[in-house]
Amino acid sequence: MALLSVNDINVYYGSIHAIKGVSFEVNEGEVVTLIGANGAGKSTTLNTVSGLLRAKTGSVFFDDQDVGNVAPHNIVKMGMAHCPEGRRVFSQMTVEENLQMGGFTRSPSEIALNLEEVYAQFPRLKERRRQISGTLSGGEQQMLAMGRALMSNPKLLLLDEPSMGLAPILVAQIFEIIEQLHKAGKTILLVEQNAQMALSIATRGYVLETGKVVLSGNGNELLENDAVKKAYLGE
């Protein structure tokens, strides 16, 4: 049984048909990636899954429950956490205050435990825990956004463009962290323009073009697909 099942969703921005009958699944323990060019509908799909947008038709099931009309904060309580595009940290709050905000569904004792787990995963955040988050580097802010999402101890982690705007060495570091989370048992839905990096760590992937899924397969299959190589891998 899929942990997440997206079934024929159609999403509109006013009269603009942004997502056109998209369907996919994420099984427990997988890293599933959505790749595609700018404007393909990747972030819109993720925002619909997490309840920030509503599909006009179709359904989204998470952990066997229809979440199509569930408020985003209640979806978080059900076990889904969304790390948004552009990081969106609370820039006037400290690192630790940002992380505590991510644990709003948890008890004080659980927050304390989750903090230690996040600091073990991201030692740099522990070093910076009293620092105002708006003064962090881009890579540190991305780590903070991921750590904040992990504070709710999610069953499913949504990552939207975690490599955006980062230097190559930091991109490699972020993807290494994603791999570590996967090896620790975390289920991840990853939206990413860096197709090479995303597919290299993905269990399975889906290619979106103009709001539609045009290809799917396991990560290695898509890396070797001629159309994917030409369009997304620069080959």
Protein backbone atom coordinates (compact mmCIF):
# COMPACT_ATOMS: atom_id res chain seq x y z
CA MET A 1 0.00 0.00 0.00
CA ALA A 2 1.34 3.41 -1.00
CA LEU A 3 2.07 5.92 1.77
CA LEU A 4 1.09 8.68 -0.69
CA SER A 5 -1.20 8.21 -3.66
CA VAL A 6 -1.91 11.10 -6.03
CA ASN A 7 -4.71 10.26 -8.44
CA ASP A 8 -5.47 12.25 -11.60
CA ILE A 9 -5.25 15.69 -9.98
CA ASN A 10 -6.09 18.84 -11.93
CA VAL A 11 -5.02 22.16 -10.45
CA TYR A 12 -5.80 25.65 -11.71
CA TYR A 13 -4.51 29.16 -11.08
CA GLY A 14 -7.63 31.05 -12.09
CA SER A 15 -8.20 30.01 -15.69
CA ILE A 16 -4.70 28.58 -16.11
CA HIS A 17 -4.67 24.77 -16.06
CA ALA A 18 -1.38 24.18 -14.23
CA ILE A 19 -1.59 20.46 -13.38
CA LYS A 20 -3.25 18.18 -15.91
CA GLY A 21 -4.22 14.76 -14.66
CA VAL A 22 -1.07 13.98 -12.67
CA SER A 23 -0.89 10.63 -10.87
CA PHE A 24 1.95 9.03 -8.91
CA GLU A 25 2.69 7.05 -5.76
CA VAL A 26 5.27 7.08 -3.00
CA ASN A 27 5.75 3.86 -1.08
CA GLU A 28 7.10 3.73 2.44
CA GLY A 29 10.90 3.91 2.53
CA GLU A 30 11.31 5.30 -0.99
CA VAL A 31 12.87 8.46 -2.34
CA VAL A 32 10.66 9.52 -5.23
CA THR A 33 11.67 12.53 -7.30
CA LEU A 34 9.72 14.81 -9.62
CA ILE A 35 11.94 16.43 -12.22
CA GLY A 36 11.24 18.88 -14.99
CA ALA A 37 11.98 22.33 -16.34
CA ASN A 38 10.86 25.60 -14.79
CA GLY A 39 7.09 25.89 -15.02
CA ALA A 40 6.56 22.14 -15.43
CA GLY A 41 4.34 22.03 -12.34
CA LYS A 42 6.66 20.40 -9.81
CA SER A 43 6.18 22.86 -6.95
CA THR A 44 2.47 23.19 -7.69
CA THR A 45 2.15 19.42 -7.35
CA LEU A 46 4.01 19.45 -4.04
CA ASN A 47 1.90 22.34 -2.73
CA THR A 48 -1.25 20.40 -3.65
CA VAL A 49 -0.01 17.29 -1.85
CA SER A 50 0.65 19.27 1.35
CA GLY A 51 -2.67 21.10 1.24
CA LEU A 52 -1.36 24.57 0.37
CA LEU A 53 -3.28 24.33 -2.91
CA ARG A 54 -6.48 22.43 -3.71
CA ALA A 55 -7.05 20.21 -6.71
CA LYS A 56 -10.19 20.99 -8.70
CA THR A 57 -10.56 17.29 -9.49
CA GLY A 58 -8.73 14.13 -8.50
CA SER A 59 -7.60 12.94 -5.08
CA VAL A 60 -4.63 12.86 -2.73
CA PHE A 61 -4.47 9.99 -0.22
CA PHE A 62 -1.88 10.02 2.56
CA ASP A 63 -1.55 7.06 4.91
CA ASP A 64 -4.87 5.68 3.59
CA GLN A 65 -6.74 8.94 4.26
CA ASP A 66 -8.14 11.40 1.74
CA VAL A 67 -6.42 14.72 2.53
CA GLY A 68 -7.90 16.69 -0.35
CA ASN A 69 -9.87 18.94 2.02
CA VAL A 70 -7.68 18.68 5.13
CA ALA A 71 -6.06 21.90 6.40
CA PRO A 72 -2.26 22.00 5.96
CA HIS A 73 -1.52 22.11 9.71
CA ASN A 74 -3.65 19.01 10.20
CA ILE A 75 -1.79 17.24 7.38
CA VAL A 76 1.41 17.99 9.33
CA LYS A 77 -0.18 16.39 12.40
CA MET A 78 -0.95 13.32 10.30
CA GLY A 79 2.76 12.92 9.54
CA MET A 80 3.67 14.94 6.45
CA ALA A 81 6.21 17.80 6.51
CA HIS A 82 6.92 20.22 3.67
CA CYS A 83 10.32 21.91 3.28
CA PRO A 84 9.43 24.72 0.84
CA GLU A 85 11.22 26.15 -2.15
CA GLY A 86 13.39 29.10 -1.16
CA ARG A 87 13.82 27.82 2.43
CA ARG A 88 11.56 30.47 4.03
CA VAL A 89 13.12 30.44 7.46
CA PHE A 90 11.78 32.82 10.11
CA SER A 91 14.58 35.29 9.53
CA GLN A 92 14.23 37.28 12.79
CA MET A 93 14.20 34.20 14.99
CA THR A 94 17.15 32.13 16.14
CA VAL A 95 18.02 28.77 14.66
CA GLU A 96 16.66 26.97 17.71
CA GLU A 97 13.45 28.99 17.70
CA ASN A 98 12.92 28.04 14.04
CA LEU A 99 13.39 24.39 14.91
CA GLN A 100 11.01 24.61 17.84
CA MET A 101 8.39 26.10 15.51
CA GLY A 102 8.73 22.99 13.35
CA GLY A 103 7.82 20.84 16.35
CA PHE A 104 4.48 22.52 17.04
CA THR A 105 2.67 19.19 16.83
CA ARG A 106 4.94 17.60 19.44
CA SER A 107 5.03 17.63 23.24
CA PRO A 108 7.82 19.54 25.05
CA SER A 109 9.67 16.30 25.81
CA GLU A 110 9.38 15.18 22.18
CA ILE A 111 10.62 18.58 20.97
CA ALA A 112 13.69 18.25 23.20
CA LEU A 113 14.39 14.76 21.83
CA ASN A 114 13.82 15.84 18.23
CA LEU A 115 16.13 18.82 18.71
CA GLU A 116 18.96 16.50 19.69
CA GLU A 117 18.25 14.29 16.67
CA VAL A 118 18.28 17.27 14.31
CA TYR A 119 21.48 18.61 15.86
CA ALA A 120 23.08 15.19 15.42
CA GLN A 121 22.07 15.24 11.73
CA PHE A 122 23.09 18.89 11.24
CA PRO A 123 26.01 19.71 13.60
CA ARG A 124 26.35 23.15 12.00
CA LEU A 125 22.89 24.06 13.31
CA LYS A 126 23.93 23.18 16.84
CA GLU A 127 26.92 25.47 16.49
CA ARG A 128 24.60 28.23 15.24
CA ARG A 129 21.61 27.52 17.50
CA ARG A 130 21.62 31.01 19.12
CA GLN A 131 22.26 32.83 15.83
CA ILE A 132 19.53 34.84 14.07
CA SER A 133 18.56 32.66 11.11
CA GLY A 134 18.48 35.53 8.62
CA THR A 135 22.25 35.89 9.05
CA LEU A 136 23.00 32.28 8.07
CA SER A 137 24.50 31.35 4.71
CA GLY A 138 22.26 29.88 2.02
CA GLY A 139 23.47 26.36 2.74
CA GLU A 140 22.93 26.78 6.47
CA GLN A 141 19.42 28.12 5.86
CA GLN A 142 18.65 25.06 3.71
CA MET A 143 19.85 22.79 6.51
CA LEU A 144 17.66 24.75 8.93
CA ALA A 145 14.60 24.43 6.68
CA MET A 146 15.15 20.68 6.43
CA GLY A 147 15.78 20.37 10.15
CA ARG A 148 12.62 22.37 10.91
CA ALA A 149 10.58 19.97 8.74
CA LEU A 150 12.12 16.98 10.51
CA MET A 151 11.13 18.37 13.91
CA SER A 152 7.60 17.02 13.44
CA ASN A 153 9.06 13.51 13.00
CA PRO A 154 7.23 13.06 9.68
CA LYS A 155 6.34 9.81 7.98
CA LEU A 156 6.78 11.64 4.65
CA LEU A 157 9.20 14.51 4.01
CA LEU A 158 8.53 16.79 1.03
CA LEU A 159 11.62 18.62 -0.24
CA ASP A 160 11.13 21.40 -2.81
CA GLU A 161 14.29 22.41 -4.72
CA PRO A 162 16.77 21.89 -1.85
CA SER A 163 19.74 22.69 -4.10
CA MET A 164 18.39 26.01 -5.38
CA GLY A 165 20.92 28.83 -5.29
CA LEU A 166 23.65 26.78 -3.62
CA ALA A 167 27.27 26.36 -4.65
CA PRO A 168 28.14 22.91 -6.08
CA ILE A 169 30.00 21.82 -2.94
CA LEU A 170 26.93 22.64 -0.83
CA VAL A 171 24.62 20.90 -3.30
CA ALA A 172 26.67 17.73 -2.85
CA GLN A 173 26.45 18.13 0.92
CA ILE A 174 22.66 18.56 0.87
CA PHE A 175 22.19 15.48 -1.30
CA GLU A 176 24.47 13.49 0.99
CA ILE A 177 22.17 14.46 3.88
CA ILE A 178 19.11 13.37 1.87
CA GLU A 179 20.77 10.00 1.24
CA GLN A 180 21.51 9.64 4.95
CA LEU A 181 17.88 10.39 5.81
CA HIS A 182 16.77 7.76 3.31
CA LYS A 183 19.16 5.16 4.71
CA ALA A 184 17.77 5.93 8.18
CA GLY A 185 14.32 4.96 6.91
CA LYS A 186 12.79 8.31 5.99
CA THR A 187 10.33 8.39 3.07
CA ILE A 188 11.00 11.39 0.82
CA LEU A 189 9.24 13.10 -2.08
CA LEU A 190 11.83 15.31 -3.77
CA VAL A 191 11.22 18.08 -6.30
CA GLU A 192 14.46 19.11 -7.97
CA GLN A 193 15.76 20.79 -11.12
CA ASN A 194 19.15 19.11 -10.73
CA ALA A 195 18.02 15.94 -12.46
CA GLN A 196 21.41 14.24 -12.31
CA MET A 197 21.66 14.52 -8.53
CA ALA A 198 17.99 13.76 -7.92
CA LEU A 199 17.84 10.64 -10.07
CA SER A 200 21.15 9.34 -8.72
CA ILE A 201 19.62 8.98 -5.24
CA ALA A 202 15.98 8.26 -6.20
CA THR A 203 14.25 4.93 -5.91
CA ARG A 204 11.87 6.08 -8.64
CA GLY A 205 11.23 9.25 -10.60
CA TYR A 206 8.57 11.04 -12.64
CA VAL A 207 9.25 13.58 -15.37
CA LEU A 208 6.80 16.49 -15.59
CA GLU A 209 6.33 18.65 -18.67
CA THR A 210 3.71 21.41 -18.88
CA GLY A 211 1.72 19.97 -15.99
CA LYS A 212 1.73 16.34 -17.14
CA VAL A 213 3.71 13.22 -16.27
CA VAL A 214 5.45 12.21 -19.49
CA LEU A 215 7.90 9.58 -18.20
CA SER A 216 8.36 7.45 -15.10
CA GLY A 217 10.68 4.70 -13.96
CA ASN A 218 13.36 3.87 -11.44
CA GLY A 219 16.16 6.36 -10.98
CA ASN A 220 18.75 4.44 -12.98
CA GLU A 221 16.34 3.83 -15.87
CA LEU A 222 15.59 7.53 -16.17
CA LEU A 223 19.28 8.44 -15.96
CA GLU A 224 19.87 6.20 -19.00
CA ASN A 225 16.80 7.39 -20.91
CA ASP A 226 17.83 9.24 -24.08
CA ALA A 227 15.04 11.82 -23.80
CA VAL A 228 15.97 12.59 -20.20
CA LYS A 229 19.66 12.83 -21.10
CA LYS A 230 18.94 15.29 -23.88
CA ALA A 231 16.43 17.46 -22.02
CA TYR A 232 17.76 17.46 -18.45
CA LEU A 233 21.28 16.06 -18.28
CA GLY A 234 22.93 18.14 -21.01
CA GLU A 235 23.93 15.10 -23.08
